[in-house]
Amino acid sequence: MNPPALGYLSEQDKAWSAALRAATTLEDLQALAKAWGRWTPDVRGIVLAMTAADFAAFRDGLAKESRGEFAGEEYARRFSAVLMPERLFEISLRAAQFGVPFGTMAIRIAEVQPHHQKWRWLPALVKESEA
């Protein structure tokens, strides 16, 4: 449920995806959003505001997306941030661009841009993983 420790070979993006699919109840999903809060702050508000009906719609669309089917524009507007949170998405894109693991890219961003507003949260996670 908690995110894996950040390391050069860690894959938080894949771990999020697996944990998301394993969250079979609204309570599981809400606990996941809280546990991953520093990685996924954009998800927290969406998930904590979900009703049982919203969760059912989310899970239906997640099943479609997992099969490679587009769940629709409305689904994308409502839940795309939950499927791939912004911070995970941006690091994943950069990692793919440079052909390196997610963790390597996250650590490199923390080293190179520690004071950039977008990445100020990241150096603390690197330090925690070194402890």
C-alpha atoms as a PDB file:
ATOM      1  CA  MET A   1       0.000   0.000   0.000  1.00  0.00           C
ATOM      2  CA  ASN A   2       2.827   2.425   0.802  1.00  0.00           C
ATOM      3  CA  PRO A   3       5.053   3.583  -2.027  1.00  0.00           C
ATOM      4  CA  PRO A   4       8.326   1.728  -2.401  1.00  0.00           C
ATOM      5  CA  ALA A   5      11.478   3.427  -1.203  1.00  0.00           C
ATOM      6  CA  LEU A   6      13.037   5.588  -3.865  1.00  0.00           C
ATOM      7  CA  GLY A   7      16.143   4.028  -5.352  1.00  0.00           C
ATOM      8  CA  TYR A   8      17.922   4.057  -8.685  1.00  0.00           C
ATOM      9  CA  LEU A   9      15.962   1.043  -9.932  1.00  0.00           C
ATOM     10  CA  SER A  10      12.632   1.750  -8.232  1.00  0.00           C
ATOM     11  CA  GLU A  11       9.477   1.969 -10.313  1.00  0.00           C
ATOM     12  CA  GLN A  12       6.959   4.049  -8.397  1.00  0.00           C
ATOM     13  CA  ASP A  13       4.878   4.534 -11.535  1.00  0.00           C
ATOM     14  CA  LYS A  14       4.389   0.784 -11.962  1.00  0.00           C
ATOM     15  CA  ALA A  15       3.900   0.294  -8.226  1.00  0.00           C
ATOM     16  CA  TRP A  16       1.139   2.943  -8.256  1.00  0.00           C
ATOM     17  CA  SER A  17      -0.577   1.215 -11.147  1.00  0.00           C
ATOM     18  CA  ALA A  18      -0.470  -2.162  -9.404  1.00  0.00           C
ATOM     19  CA  ALA A  19      -1.679  -0.717  -6.102  1.00  0.00           C
ATOM     20  CA  LEU A  20      -4.477   1.108  -7.897  1.00  0.00           C
ATOM     21  CA  ARG A  21      -5.721  -2.117  -9.455  1.00  0.00           C
ATOM     22  CA  ALA A  22      -5.499  -3.881  -6.094  1.00  0.00           C
ATOM     23  CA  ALA A  23      -7.704  -1.251  -4.403  1.00  0.00           C
ATOM     24  CA  THR A  24     -11.040  -3.047  -4.696  1.00  0.00           C
ATOM     25  CA  THR A  25     -13.025  -0.884  -2.291  1.00  0.00           C
ATOM     26  CA  LEU A  26     -13.485   2.849  -1.920  1.00  0.00           C
ATOM     27  CA  GLU A  27     -11.832   2.627   1.489  1.00  0.00           C
ATOM     28  CA  ASP A  28      -8.815   0.864  -0.061  1.00  0.00           C
ATOM     29  CA  LEU A  29      -8.523   3.579  -2.695  1.00  0.00           C
ATOM     30  CA  GLN A  30      -8.802   6.359  -0.135  1.00  0.00           C
ATOM     31  CA  ALA A  31      -6.136   4.718   2.055  1.00  0.00           C
ATOM     32  CA  LEU A  32      -3.920   4.386  -1.015  1.00  0.00           C
ATOM     33  CA  ALA A  33      -4.332   8.078  -1.867  1.00  0.00           C
ATOM     34  CA  LYS A  34      -3.363   9.023   1.681  1.00  0.00           C
ATOM     35  CA  ALA A  35      -0.366   6.666   1.804  1.00  0.00           C
ATOM     36  CA  TRP A  36       0.996   7.960  -1.511  1.00  0.00           C
ATOM     37  CA  GLY A  37       0.197  11.595  -0.731  1.00  0.00           C
ATOM     38  CA  ARG A  38       3.595  13.113  -1.491  1.00  0.00           C
ATOM     39  CA  TRP A  39       3.791  11.304  -4.815  1.00  0.00           C
ATOM     40  CA  THR A  40       0.155  11.878  -5.762  1.00  0.00           C
ATOM     41  CA  PRO A  41      -1.253  15.095  -4.250  1.00  0.00           C
ATOM     42  CA  ASP A  42      -3.542  15.611  -7.253  1.00  0.00           C
ATOM     43  CA  VAL A  43      -5.257  12.288  -6.521  1.00  0.00           C
ATOM     44  CA  ARG A  44      -6.111  12.886  -2.901  1.00  0.00           C
ATOM     45  CA  GLY A  45      -8.890  15.435  -3.447  1.00  0.00           C
ATOM     46  CA  ILE A  46     -10.499  13.399  -6.205  1.00  0.00           C
ATOM     47  CA  VAL A  47     -10.488  10.148  -4.267  1.00  0.00           C
ATOM     48  CA  LEU A  48     -11.502  11.551  -0.891  1.00  0.00           C
ATOM     49  CA  ALA A  49     -14.542  13.199  -2.511  1.00  0.00           C
ATOM     50  CA  MET A  50     -15.665   9.985  -4.254  1.00  0.00           C
ATOM     51  CA  THR A  51     -19.010   8.421  -3.450  1.00  0.00           C
ATOM     52  CA  ALA A  52     -19.772   4.735  -3.782  1.00  0.00           C
ATOM     53  CA  ALA A  53     -21.305   5.436  -7.211  1.00  0.00           C
ATOM     54  CA  ASP A  54     -18.186   7.357  -8.289  1.00  0.00           C
ATOM     55  CA  PHE A  55     -16.005   4.472  -7.179  1.00  0.00           C
ATOM     56  CA  ALA A  56     -18.111   1.982  -9.132  1.00  0.00           C
ATOM     57  CA  ALA A  57     -17.768   4.169 -12.250  1.00  0.00           C
ATOM     58  CA  PHE A  58     -14.034   4.461 -11.632  1.00  0.00           C
ATOM     59  CA  ARG A  59     -13.591   0.692 -11.329  1.00  0.00           C
ATOM     60  CA  ASP A  60     -15.676   0.033 -14.457  1.00  0.00           C
ATOM     61  CA  GLY A  61     -13.536   2.441 -16.455  1.00  0.00           C
ATOM     62  CA  LEU A  62     -10.342   1.059 -14.933  1.00  0.00           C
ATOM     63  CA  ALA A  63     -11.311  -2.417 -16.120  1.00  0.00           C
ATOM     64  CA  LYS A  64     -11.836  -1.079 -19.646  1.00  0.00           C
ATOM     65  CA  GLU A  65      -8.581   0.857 -19.639  1.00  0.00           C
ATOM     66  CA  SER A  66      -6.744  -2.215 -18.344  1.00  0.00           C
ATOM     67  CA  ARG A  67      -8.023  -4.154 -21.373  1.00  0.00           C
ATOM     68  CA  GLY A  68      -6.769  -1.422 -23.689  1.00  0.00           C
ATOM     69  CA  GLU A  69     -10.227   0.036 -24.311  1.00  0.00           C
ATOM     70  CA  PHE A  70     -10.832   3.767 -24.038  1.00  0.00           C
ATOM     71  CA  ALA A  71     -13.273   4.363 -21.195  1.00  0.00           C
ATOM     72  CA  GLY A  72     -14.542   7.615 -22.709  1.00  0.00           C
ATOM     73  CA  GLU A  73     -14.020  11.348 -22.516  1.00  0.00           C
ATOM     74  CA  GLU A  74     -16.088  11.784 -19.374  1.00  0.00           C
ATOM     75  CA  TYR A  75     -14.074   9.078 -17.625  1.00  0.00           C
ATOM     76  CA  ALA A  76     -10.826  10.703 -18.726  1.00  0.00           C
ATOM     77  CA  ARG A  77     -11.947  14.115 -17.431  1.00  0.00           C
ATOM     78  CA  ARG A  78     -12.971  12.704 -14.090  1.00  0.00           C
ATOM     79  CA  PHE A  79     -10.325  10.109 -13.369  1.00  0.00           C
ATOM     80  CA  SER A  80      -7.216  10.488 -15.543  1.00  0.00           C
ATOM     81  CA  ALA A  81      -5.259  12.046 -12.664  1.00  0.00           C
ATOM     82  CA  VAL A  82      -6.005   8.971 -10.576  1.00  0.00           C
ATOM     83  CA  LEU A  83      -4.824   6.620 -13.312  1.00  0.00           C
ATOM     84  CA  MET A  84      -1.540   8.495 -13.761  1.00  0.00           C
ATOM     85  CA  PRO A  85      -0.872  11.229 -11.211  1.00  0.00           C
ATOM     86  CA  GLU A  86       0.960  14.271 -12.525  1.00  0.00           C
ATOM     87  CA  ARG A  87       4.203  13.782 -10.605  1.00  0.00           C
ATOM     88  CA  LEU A  88       4.492  10.130 -11.591  1.00  0.00           C
ATOM     89  CA  PHE A  89       3.569  10.961 -15.178  1.00  0.00           C
ATOM     90  CA  GLU A  90       6.183  13.693 -15.571  1.00  0.00           C
ATOM     91  CA  ILE A  91       8.991  11.597 -14.149  1.00  0.00           C
ATOM     92  CA  SER A  92       7.901   8.588 -16.234  1.00  0.00           C
ATOM     93  CA  LEU A  93       7.982  10.659 -19.419  1.00  0.00           C
ATOM     94  CA  ARG A  94      11.467  11.934 -18.684  1.00  0.00           C
ATOM     95  CA  ALA A  95      12.689   8.461 -17.744  1.00  0.00           C
ATOM     96  CA  ALA A  96      11.382   7.086 -21.045  1.00  0.00           C
ATOM     97  CA  GLN A  97      12.956   9.965 -22.954  1.00  0.00           C
ATOM     98  CA  PHE A  98      16.382   9.197 -21.520  1.00  0.00           C
ATOM     99  CA  GLY A  99      15.959   5.412 -21.371  1.00  0.00           C
ATOM    100  CA  VAL A 100      16.547   5.157 -17.621  1.00  0.00           C
ATOM    101  CA  PRO A 101      14.529   3.680 -14.751  1.00  0.00           C
ATOM    102  CA  PHE A 102      11.951   5.845 -12.997  1.00  0.00           C
ATOM    103  CA  GLY A 103      13.996   5.985  -9.787  1.00  0.00           C
ATOM    104  CA  THR A 104      17.154   7.080 -11.562  1.00  0.00           C
ATOM    105  CA  MET A 105      15.293   9.931 -13.226  1.00  0.00           C
ATOM    106  CA  ALA A 106      13.605  11.003  -9.972  1.00  0.00           C
ATOM    107  CA  ILE A 107      16.951  11.071  -8.142  1.00  0.00           C
ATOM    108  CA  ARG A 108      18.606  12.982 -10.991  1.00  0.00           C
ATOM    109  CA  ILE A 109      15.828  15.586 -11.043  1.00  0.00           C
ATOM    110  CA  ALA A 110      16.231  16.016  -7.271  1.00  0.00           C
ATOM    111  CA  GLU A 111      19.986  16.551  -7.742  1.00  0.00           C
ATOM    112  CA  VAL A 112      19.748  18.948 -10.659  1.00  0.00           C
ATOM    113  CA  GLN A 113      16.620  20.948  -9.828  1.00  0.00           C
ATOM    114  CA  PRO A 114      16.208  20.789  -6.026  1.00  0.00           C
ATOM    115  CA  HIS A 115      14.956  24.364  -5.721  1.00  0.00           C
ATOM    116  CA  HIS A 116      12.674  24.442  -8.742  1.00  0.00           C
ATOM    117  CA  GLN A 117       9.122  24.979  -7.523  1.00  0.00           C
ATOM    118  CA  LYS A 118       7.822  21.935  -9.374  1.00  0.00           C
ATOM    119  CA  TRP A 119      10.360  19.586  -7.765  1.00  0.00           C
ATOM    120  CA  ARG A 120      10.845  20.991  -4.243  1.00  0.00           C
ATOM    121  CA  TRP A 121       9.086  17.976  -2.737  1.00  0.00           C
ATOM    122  CA  LEU A 122      11.443  15.434  -4.344  1.00  0.00           C
ATOM    123  CA  PRO A 123      14.789  15.939  -2.518  1.00  0.00           C
ATOM    124  CA  ALA A 124      13.160  15.032   0.810  1.00  0.00           C
ATOM    125  CA  LEU A 125      12.112  11.657  -0.612  1.00  0.00           C
ATOM    126  CA  VAL A 126      15.647  11.049  -1.863  1.00  0.00           C
ATOM    127  CA  LYS A 127      17.072  11.840   1.587  1.00  0.00           C
ATOM    128  CA  GLU A 128      14.554   9.534   3.250  1.00  0.00           C
ATOM    129  CA  SER A 129      15.543   6.690   0.963  1.00  0.00           C
ATOM    130  CA  GLU A 130      19.228   7.210   1.817  1.00  0.00           C
ATOM    131  CA  ALA A 131      18.553   6.988   5.562  1.00  0.00           C
END
